[in-house]
Amino acid sequence: MRWRRVALPALLAAVLLVLVYIGGCLIPCVYNQPALEAELRRDLQSGSSSEYVDGYLAGKKISHSFAEKDRRIYGLIPDVCVTGPVSWSIALVFSFDENKRLAGLEVKGVGTGP
């Protein structure tokens, strides 16, 4: 009889974990990475100053930092989607020429998890 007091809660906890895992796998990713890239390319034209890009990202509340040595701004939009145990973020890389003018940008999904 005592084993039922222990086994039943353990079984319910295991079932709950499986349901949460399956639910996470079924939640669709609503963040549209191609649309974000198109928006960035539209709003941040080639030749834009690093100050303008910095202000744009700050205005959108996108976490970012400028690596002077690499002439790049690195940005991150964290946890835009969860698929099972994997959490997806969007990484942004803005490259600048020697005059600190936008020369290119890269947008990619980055997954973290077990």
N, C-alpha and C. Protein backbone atom coordinates (compact mmCIF):
# COMPACT_ATOMS: atom_id res chain seq x y z
N MET A 1 0.82 -1.19 0.00
CA MET A 1 0.00 0.00 0.00
C MET A 1 0.86 1.26 0.00
N ARG A 2 1.96 1.20 0.74
CA ARG A 2 2.84 2.38 0.83
C ARG A 2 3.48 2.71 -0.52
N TRP A 3 3.79 1.70 -1.31
CA TRP A 3 4.43 1.93 -2.60
C TRP A 3 3.52 2.73 -3.53
N ARG A 4 2.20 2.60 -3.34
CA ARG A 4 1.27 3.36 -4.18
C ARG A 4 1.37 4.85 -3.92
N ARG A 5 1.63 5.22 -2.67
CA ARG A 5 1.77 6.65 -2.33
C ARG A 5 2.98 7.27 -3.01
N VAL A 6 3.98 6.46 -3.26
CA VAL A 6 5.20 6.95 -3.91
C VAL A 6 5.11 6.80 -5.42
N ALA A 7 4.62 5.64 -5.86
CA ALA A 7 4.60 5.34 -7.29
C ALA A 7 3.62 6.22 -8.06
N LEU A 8 2.45 6.47 -7.51
CA LEU A 8 1.44 7.24 -8.22
C LEU A 8 1.90 8.68 -8.50
N PRO A 9 2.42 9.42 -7.51
CA PRO A 9 2.93 10.77 -7.82
C PRO A 9 4.10 10.75 -8.81
N ALA A 10 4.97 9.75 -8.71
CA ALA A 10 6.09 9.64 -9.64
C ALA A 10 5.58 9.39 -11.06
N LEU A 11 4.60 8.52 -11.19
CA LEU A 11 4.02 8.24 -12.50
C LEU A 11 3.35 9.48 -13.08
N LEU A 12 2.59 10.19 -12.26
CA LEU A 12 1.93 11.42 -12.72
C LEU A 12 2.95 12.47 -13.14
N ALA A 13 4.03 12.59 -12.40
CA ALA A 13 5.09 13.54 -12.75
C ALA A 13 5.72 13.16 -14.09
N ALA A 14 5.97 11.88 -14.31
CA ALA A 14 6.56 11.43 -15.57
C ALA A 14 5.62 11.71 -16.74
N VAL A 15 4.33 11.44 -16.56
CA VAL A 15 3.35 11.71 -17.61
C VAL A 15 3.29 13.20 -17.92
N LEU A 16 3.33 14.03 -16.88
CA LEU A 16 3.31 15.48 -17.07
C LEU A 16 4.53 15.95 -17.85
N LEU A 17 5.71 15.43 -17.53
CA LEU A 17 6.93 15.79 -18.26
C LEU A 17 6.83 15.41 -19.73
N VAL A 18 6.30 14.23 -20.01
CA VAL A 18 6.15 13.80 -21.40
C VAL A 18 5.18 14.72 -22.13
N LEU A 19 4.07 15.08 -21.50
CA LEU A 19 3.11 15.98 -22.13
C LEU A 19 3.70 17.35 -22.39
N VAL A 20 4.48 17.87 -21.46
CA VAL A 20 5.13 19.17 -21.65
C VAL A 20 6.12 19.09 -22.81
N TYR A 21 6.89 18.00 -22.88
CA TYR A 21 7.85 17.82 -23.96
C TYR A 21 7.14 17.76 -25.31
N ILE A 22 6.09 16.94 -25.39
CA ILE A 22 5.34 16.82 -26.65
C ILE A 22 4.70 18.15 -27.01
N GLY A 23 4.15 18.84 -26.03
CA GLY A 23 3.53 20.14 -26.27
C GLY A 23 4.53 21.13 -26.82
N GLY A 24 5.75 21.12 -26.29
CA GLY A 24 6.81 22.00 -26.79
C GLY A 24 7.15 21.70 -28.22
N CYS A 25 7.10 20.42 -28.59
CA CYS A 25 7.40 20.03 -29.97
C CYS A 25 6.29 20.46 -30.94
N LEU A 26 5.07 20.58 -30.43
CA LEU A 26 3.95 20.91 -31.29
C LEU A 26 3.70 22.40 -31.42
N ILE A 27 4.34 23.22 -30.59
CA ILE A 27 4.15 24.67 -30.67
C ILE A 27 4.89 25.18 -31.90
N PRO A 28 4.20 25.79 -32.83
CA PRO A 28 4.87 26.25 -34.04
C PRO A 28 5.73 27.48 -33.77
N CYS A 29 6.78 27.59 -34.53
CA CYS A 29 7.62 28.77 -34.44
C CYS A 29 6.92 29.90 -35.19
N VAL A 30 6.59 30.96 -34.49
CA VAL A 30 5.85 32.05 -35.11
C VAL A 30 6.76 33.17 -35.59
N TYR A 31 8.04 33.10 -35.26
CA TYR A 31 8.96 34.15 -35.67
C TYR A 31 9.43 33.88 -37.08
N ASN A 32 9.24 34.81 -37.97
CA ASN A 32 9.53 34.63 -39.37
C ASN A 32 10.91 35.22 -39.69
N GLN A 33 11.92 34.35 -39.70
CA GLN A 33 13.29 34.80 -39.94
C GLN A 33 13.48 35.46 -41.31
N PRO A 34 12.93 34.90 -42.41
CA PRO A 34 13.08 35.59 -43.70
C PRO A 34 12.45 36.98 -43.71
N ALA A 35 11.32 37.13 -43.04
CA ALA A 35 10.68 38.45 -42.98
C ALA A 35 11.54 39.43 -42.20
N LEU A 36 12.16 38.96 -41.11
CA LEU A 36 13.06 39.83 -40.34
C LEU A 36 14.24 40.27 -41.19
N GLU A 37 14.83 39.33 -41.92
CA GLU A 37 15.97 39.68 -42.78
C GLU A 37 15.57 40.68 -43.85
N ALA A 38 14.40 40.49 -44.45
CA ALA A 38 13.91 41.44 -45.46
C ALA A 38 13.69 42.82 -44.86
N GLU A 39 13.14 42.86 -43.64
CA GLU A 39 12.92 44.14 -42.96
C GLU A 39 14.25 44.84 -42.67
N LEU A 40 15.23 44.09 -42.20
CA LEU A 40 16.54 44.69 -41.90
C LEU A 40 17.21 45.21 -43.17
N ARG A 41 17.14 44.44 -44.23
CA ARG A 41 17.76 44.88 -45.50
C ARG A 41 17.05 46.11 -46.06
N ARG A 42 15.75 46.21 -45.83
CA ARG A 42 14.99 47.38 -46.29
C ARG A 42 15.34 48.62 -45.47
N ASP A 43 15.38 48.44 -44.13
CA ASP A 43 15.58 49.59 -43.24
C ASP A 43 17.04 50.00 -43.08
N LEU A 44 17.95 49.06 -43.27
CA LEU A 44 19.38 49.34 -43.08
C LEU A 44 20.10 49.13 -44.41
N GLN A 45 20.09 50.17 -45.20
CA GLN A 45 20.70 50.11 -46.53
C GLN A 45 22.21 49.98 -46.44
N SER A 46 22.81 49.37 -47.43
CA SER A 46 24.26 49.30 -47.53
C SER A 46 24.82 50.72 -47.53
N GLY A 47 25.83 50.93 -46.73
CA GLY A 47 26.42 52.27 -46.61
C GLY A 47 25.92 53.04 -45.39
N SER A 48 24.93 52.49 -44.67
CA SER A 48 24.45 53.14 -43.43
C SER A 48 25.60 53.18 -42.42
N SER A 49 25.63 54.23 -41.62
CA SER A 49 26.68 54.35 -40.62
C SER A 49 26.46 53.38 -39.47
N SER A 50 27.55 53.04 -38.78
CA SER A 50 27.44 52.14 -37.63
C SER A 50 26.58 52.78 -36.53
N GLU A 51 26.64 54.12 -36.42
CA GLU A 51 25.81 54.81 -35.43
C GLU A 51 24.33 54.66 -35.76
N TYR A 52 24.00 54.73 -37.04
CA TYR A 52 22.61 54.57 -37.45
C TYR A 52 22.11 53.16 -37.13
N VAL A 53 22.94 52.15 -37.46
CA VAL A 53 22.58 50.75 -37.19
C VAL A 53 22.42 50.55 -35.68
N ASP A 54 23.34 51.11 -34.90
CA ASP A 54 23.26 51.01 -33.44
C ASP A 54 21.95 51.61 -32.93
N GLY A 55 21.59 52.78 -33.41
CA GLY A 55 20.35 53.44 -33.00
C GLY A 55 19.11 52.66 -33.43
N TYR A 56 19.17 52.09 -34.62
CA TYR A 56 18.05 51.30 -35.12
C TYR A 56 17.81 50.09 -34.22
N LEU A 57 18.89 49.36 -33.91
CA LEU A 57 18.76 48.18 -33.05
C LEU A 57 18.30 48.55 -31.65
N ALA A 58 18.82 49.64 -31.12
CA ALA A 58 18.40 50.11 -29.79
C ALA A 58 16.91 50.46 -29.81
N GLY A 59 16.47 51.11 -30.86
CA GLY A 59 15.06 51.47 -30.99
C GLY A 59 14.14 50.25 -31.05
N LYS A 60 14.64 49.17 -31.63
CA LYS A 60 13.87 47.92 -31.72
C LYS A 60 14.08 47.06 -30.47
N LYS A 61 14.88 47.55 -29.53
CA LYS A 61 15.20 46.83 -28.28
C LYS A 61 15.84 45.47 -28.55
N ILE A 62 16.74 45.46 -29.55
CA ILE A 62 17.50 44.25 -29.88
C ILE A 62 18.86 44.35 -29.20
N SER A 63 19.16 43.38 -28.36
CA SER A 63 20.44 43.34 -27.65
C SER A 63 21.58 43.24 -28.67
N HIS A 64 22.59 44.12 -28.53
CA HIS A 64 23.69 44.13 -29.49
C HIS A 64 24.94 44.76 -28.89
N SER A 65 26.06 44.51 -29.54
CA SER A 65 27.32 45.13 -29.13
C SER A 65 28.20 45.31 -30.36
N PHE A 66 29.08 46.31 -30.29
CA PHE A 66 29.98 46.63 -31.41
C PHE A 66 31.36 46.11 -31.10
N ALA A 67 31.89 45.30 -32.00
CA ALA A 67 33.27 44.81 -31.87
C ALA A 67 34.14 45.65 -32.79
N GLU A 68 34.78 46.64 -32.20
CA GLU A 68 35.58 47.61 -32.96
C GLU A 68 36.65 46.92 -33.81
N LYS A 69 37.35 45.97 -33.21
CA LYS A 69 38.44 45.27 -33.89
C LYS A 69 37.95 44.56 -35.15
N ASP A 70 36.78 43.91 -35.06
CA ASP A 70 36.21 43.16 -36.19
C ASP A 70 35.38 44.02 -37.13
N ARG A 71 35.09 45.27 -36.69
CA ARG A 71 34.20 46.16 -37.43
C ARG A 71 32.86 45.49 -37.67
N ARG A 72 32.31 44.94 -36.57
CA ARG A 72 31.03 44.24 -36.65
C ARG A 72 30.17 44.59 -35.45
N ILE A 73 28.86 44.60 -35.69
CA ILE A 73 27.89 44.67 -34.61
C ILE A 73 27.24 43.29 -34.54
N TYR A 74 27.24 42.72 -33.34
CA TYR A 74 26.61 41.42 -33.11
C TYR A 74 25.31 41.65 -32.33
N GLY A 75 24.22 41.10 -32.82
CA GLY A 75 22.93 41.23 -32.15
C GLY A 75 22.32 39.88 -31.88
N LEU A 76 21.40 39.84 -30.93
CA LEU A 76 20.73 38.58 -30.60
C LEU A 76 19.29 38.86 -30.20
N ILE A 77 18.39 38.11 -30.79
CA ILE A 77 16.99 38.11 -30.39
C ILE A 77 16.76 36.74 -29.77
N PRO A 78 16.75 36.67 -28.44
CA PRO A 78 16.72 35.35 -27.78
C PRO A 78 15.34 34.71 -27.73
N ASP A 79 15.37 33.39 -27.69
CA ASP A 79 14.19 32.57 -27.41
C ASP A 79 12.96 32.95 -28.24
N VAL A 80 13.12 32.96 -29.55
CA VAL A 80 11.99 33.29 -30.41
C VAL A 80 11.08 32.09 -30.65
N CYS A 81 11.57 30.91 -30.33
CA CYS A 81 10.82 29.68 -30.58
C CYS A 81 11.37 28.56 -29.71
N VAL A 82 10.49 27.67 -29.30
CA VAL A 82 10.91 26.49 -28.55
C VAL A 82 10.33 25.27 -29.25
N THR A 83 11.20 24.32 -29.60
CA THR A 83 10.77 23.06 -30.18
C THR A 83 11.32 21.95 -29.31
N GLY A 84 10.46 21.41 -28.48
CA GLY A 84 10.91 20.38 -27.54
C GLY A 84 11.92 20.95 -26.58
N PRO A 85 13.07 20.31 -26.46
CA PRO A 85 14.08 20.80 -25.52
C PRO A 85 14.98 21.88 -26.12
N VAL A 86 14.75 22.25 -27.38
CA VAL A 86 15.63 23.22 -28.05
C VAL A 86 14.97 24.60 -28.08
N SER A 87 15.72 25.59 -27.65
CA SER A 87 15.28 26.99 -27.70
C SER A 87 16.01 27.67 -28.85
N TRP A 88 15.27 28.37 -29.69
CA TRP A 88 15.85 29.02 -30.87
C TRP A 88 15.93 30.53 -30.67
N SER A 89 17.04 31.09 -31.10
CA SER A 89 17.27 32.52 -31.08
C SER A 89 17.69 32.95 -32.48
N ILE A 90 17.63 34.26 -32.73
CA ILE A 90 18.09 34.81 -34.01
C ILE A 90 19.36 35.59 -33.76
N ALA A 91 20.44 35.20 -34.44
CA ALA A 91 21.72 35.91 -34.33
C ALA A 91 21.87 36.85 -35.53
N LEU A 92 22.32 38.06 -35.26
CA LEU A 92 22.52 39.07 -36.29
C LEU A 92 23.99 39.48 -36.32
N VAL A 93 24.55 39.60 -37.51
CA VAL A 93 25.92 40.08 -37.66
C VAL A 93 25.91 41.16 -38.74
N PHE A 94 26.32 42.37 -38.35
CA PHE A 94 26.41 43.50 -39.28
C PHE A 94 27.89 43.80 -39.49
N SER A 95 28.36 43.73 -40.73
CA SER A 95 29.76 43.99 -41.05
C SER A 95 29.90 45.40 -41.62
N PHE A 96 31.00 46.06 -41.25
CA PHE A 96 31.23 47.44 -41.68
C PHE A 96 32.58 47.56 -42.38
N ASP A 97 32.70 48.53 -43.29
CA ASP A 97 33.97 48.78 -43.97
C ASP A 97 34.85 49.66 -43.09
N GLU A 98 36.00 50.05 -43.60
CA GLU A 98 36.95 50.84 -42.81
C GLU A 98 36.41 52.23 -42.44
N ASN A 99 35.38 52.70 -43.13
CA ASN A 99 34.75 53.99 -42.82
C ASN A 99 33.54 53.84 -41.90
N LYS A 100 33.36 52.64 -41.33
CA LYS A 100 32.24 52.32 -40.44
C LYS A 100 30.89 52.45 -41.15
N ARG A 101 30.88 52.03 -42.41
CA ARG A 101 29.66 52.00 -43.21
C ARG A 101 29.24 50.55 -43.42
N LEU A 102 27.93 50.30 -43.35
CA LEU A 102 27.41 48.94 -43.46
C LEU A 102 27.81 48.30 -44.78
N ALA A 103 28.47 47.16 -44.70
CA ALA A 103 28.90 46.44 -45.89
C ALA A 103 28.13 45.14 -46.08
N GLY A 104 27.55 44.61 -45.01
CA GLY A 104 26.79 43.38 -45.13
C GLY A 104 26.11 43.02 -43.82
N LEU A 105 25.13 42.12 -43.94
CA LEU A 105 24.47 41.63 -42.73
C LEU A 105 24.12 40.18 -42.90
N GLU A 106 24.08 39.48 -41.77
CA GLU A 106 23.78 38.05 -41.77
C GLU A 106 22.75 37.80 -40.67
N VAL A 107 21.75 37.01 -40.98
CA VAL A 107 20.70 36.64 -40.03
C VAL A 107 20.63 35.12 -40.02
N LYS A 108 20.76 34.53 -38.83
CA LYS A 108 20.70 33.06 -38.78
C LYS A 108 20.06 32.60 -37.47
N GLY A 109 19.40 31.46 -37.56
CA GLY A 109 18.81 30.85 -36.38
C GLY A 109 19.87 30.06 -35.62
N VAL A 110 19.81 30.13 -34.31
CA VAL A 110 20.75 29.43 -33.45
C VAL A 110 19.95 28.65 -32.41
N GLY A 111 20.14 27.34 -32.38
CA GLY A 111 19.43 26.51 -31.41
C GLY A 111 20.32 26.14 -30.24
N THR A 112 19.75 26.17 -29.04
CA THR A 112 20.46 25.73 -27.85
C THR A 112 19.61 24.73 -27.10
N GLY A 113 20.23 23.76 -26.54
CA GLY A 113 19.52 22.74 -25.78
C GLY A 113 20.41 21.55 -25.52
N PRO A 114 19.83 20.46 -25.08
CA PRO A 114 20.65 19.29 -24.74
C PRO A 114 21.33 18.65 -25.93
